Amino acid sequence: MVVTAAAWVRCEPPRTGLIWVAFLKTYNVGIIGFGFIGKVHAFAHVNLPFFFADLPFRTRLTHVCCSRPESAAAAAAFLGGVQATCEAREITENPAVDLVHICTPNHLHAEALISALAHGKHIYCDKPLTATLAEALQVEAALVGYRGTTQMTFQNRFFPSALRARQLIRDGRLGDILELRVAFLHASNVTPSAPLKWKLTAAAGGGVIADLGSHALDIATFLAGDIAELTALTKIAYPERPSAAEPTRRVPVDAEDSMTAIVRLASGAVGTIAATKLALGSEDELRADVYGTRGALRFNSMDPHHLEFYDGTAPDQPLGGTRGWTHIDCGQRYAAPAGFPAPKVSIGWLRAHVQCLYEFVAAVHAGRAAEPDLAHGVAIQRAMEAVRRSALSGRWERP
C-alpha cells in the first residue's frame, strides 16, 4: 500500500496517548533576543521531547522579543504561531508567560532580569549575567524574596564528559587538587579586518572576559572550586577595527581580545584560566586539565565524547604496569530520562545546550533550585570584574 504525504499527516497515535499528552503540564516560553543564541534556545525547546522519554511536561514557544519590528516579525514567522514584540516587558510582565529567556546583548540583561524577577518568572539567562558588576549586584538584590527557579546557560558543564569529571573529583579519585589549567581558545579576532561587532565593545558589555572568560571561569569553579584571588593580564590586539555598520570606517577598540589569569583557589590549589580570540588554528576549544595527588583529568570540548583520566594509584610495575591515561567513553551516556539518539553516538555542541535546558525545566517542574543559578552568575561576574581590576592595577585581586 502506498501512503501519501497527506494520508501520513492524518495518521494519529492511540487516543490514550493523546489524552495523556493533553494532561501534561505545559510551560509557555518567551524569548527576549532572537539572534544566534536565541535560536539555540528555541532549538533546545523544540527538541526536548525527542531527547527525553516520557517527559511529565511540555514547553511551548509563545512570545519573542527583538529590537526592531522587522526582526520581531521575521522571528515570529520563523517560529510560527508566536506573538512578536519589541518591548521586553511584554514578556517579563506577561501573566501568560512562565519561562523567560534572556538572549540579548549583555548590556540589556539587567533590566529584563529585574523585571522578570519582580514578576515571579522562571528565568533562563545566557552568559554572562550582566554587562557590569554594578548591574549584577542589582540583580542579586532583586533575588531577595524571589521564589522561582533560575539558571545560567553554562552549557559546557552539561557534556557527560564534564559531568563525569566532576563525579570523579567528588569521589576522591584525584585526591587533593594541586593545580588546574583552563583555556577557552578561539581565533576570530586574529586579523585586523575582523569588524567591531557588539561583542568587541565595552558599551555593550563585550570583550573576551565576558564572552569566553565567563565559560572558562565557570568550568574551573565547577570542577575545582571557588577562586580566592587572582592576578591577570588582558590584550587588545589592534587599537582600531572596521565598523560593522560601515566597513570602510575604522573605529577604536575598547574591549579585550584575550585574558590570562593566575589563580589561587579557596582549596589552596593554583593554576591558570585563559580565554582568547587570538589563538590561530583554534575554533571553539575549551580545555580543562586538573591535577591532584592521586589522579588527573583532561577535558576538551573539541572531543567531548571522551574524558581522559589518569589513575595515579594504578601500579607502574612490571614494565609500566597499568599506569597511563585512559580515554573514558562518555558519549551521550546521560542518566534517564535521556536516551536519544543512543549512548554510543558521538556528541556535539547543541546536545549540551539541550541538556542544560532540560535541567532547568525539570527543576522548574519539580519546584526546586537549578544549578548553576543566577546567584552563581553573580559569583562569575565578581570573578570577571576581578580579572578586569587586576589587569588595570597589576595586583592580586579577590572576586
Foldseek 3Di string as FASTA:
>chain_A
DDQDPVNVVVDDDDPVVVVQVVPAAEAEEEEEDCDDVVVLLVVLLVCLPVFFDPDSYHYDHAEYEDQDPVVQVVVCVVRDNHHGYPDLCCALVPPRHAEYEYDDQQQPQLVSLLSNQVNQHEYEYEFQNHLALVSLVVSVVSCVPRQAAFEYQLLVCQQLQNVVLQVCVVVCQQPQWAEKEKEWEAAQVQDQARACDLLQASVSSHAQCGVPVLSQQVSCCSRHNAWFKKFKAFAAPDQWYAHPVGRVDIDGTDHTQKMKMWTQHPSRHTYMGIYGNNPPPDHGWIWMWIHHPAKIWIAIQVQSQWIKIFGNVADCPDVGHPGDIDTDRQAVPDDHSGQPPHRNDHDHDSVSSSSSVVQRVVCRVVSHYGPPGSVVSSSSSVVSVSNVVNNVVVDMGGD
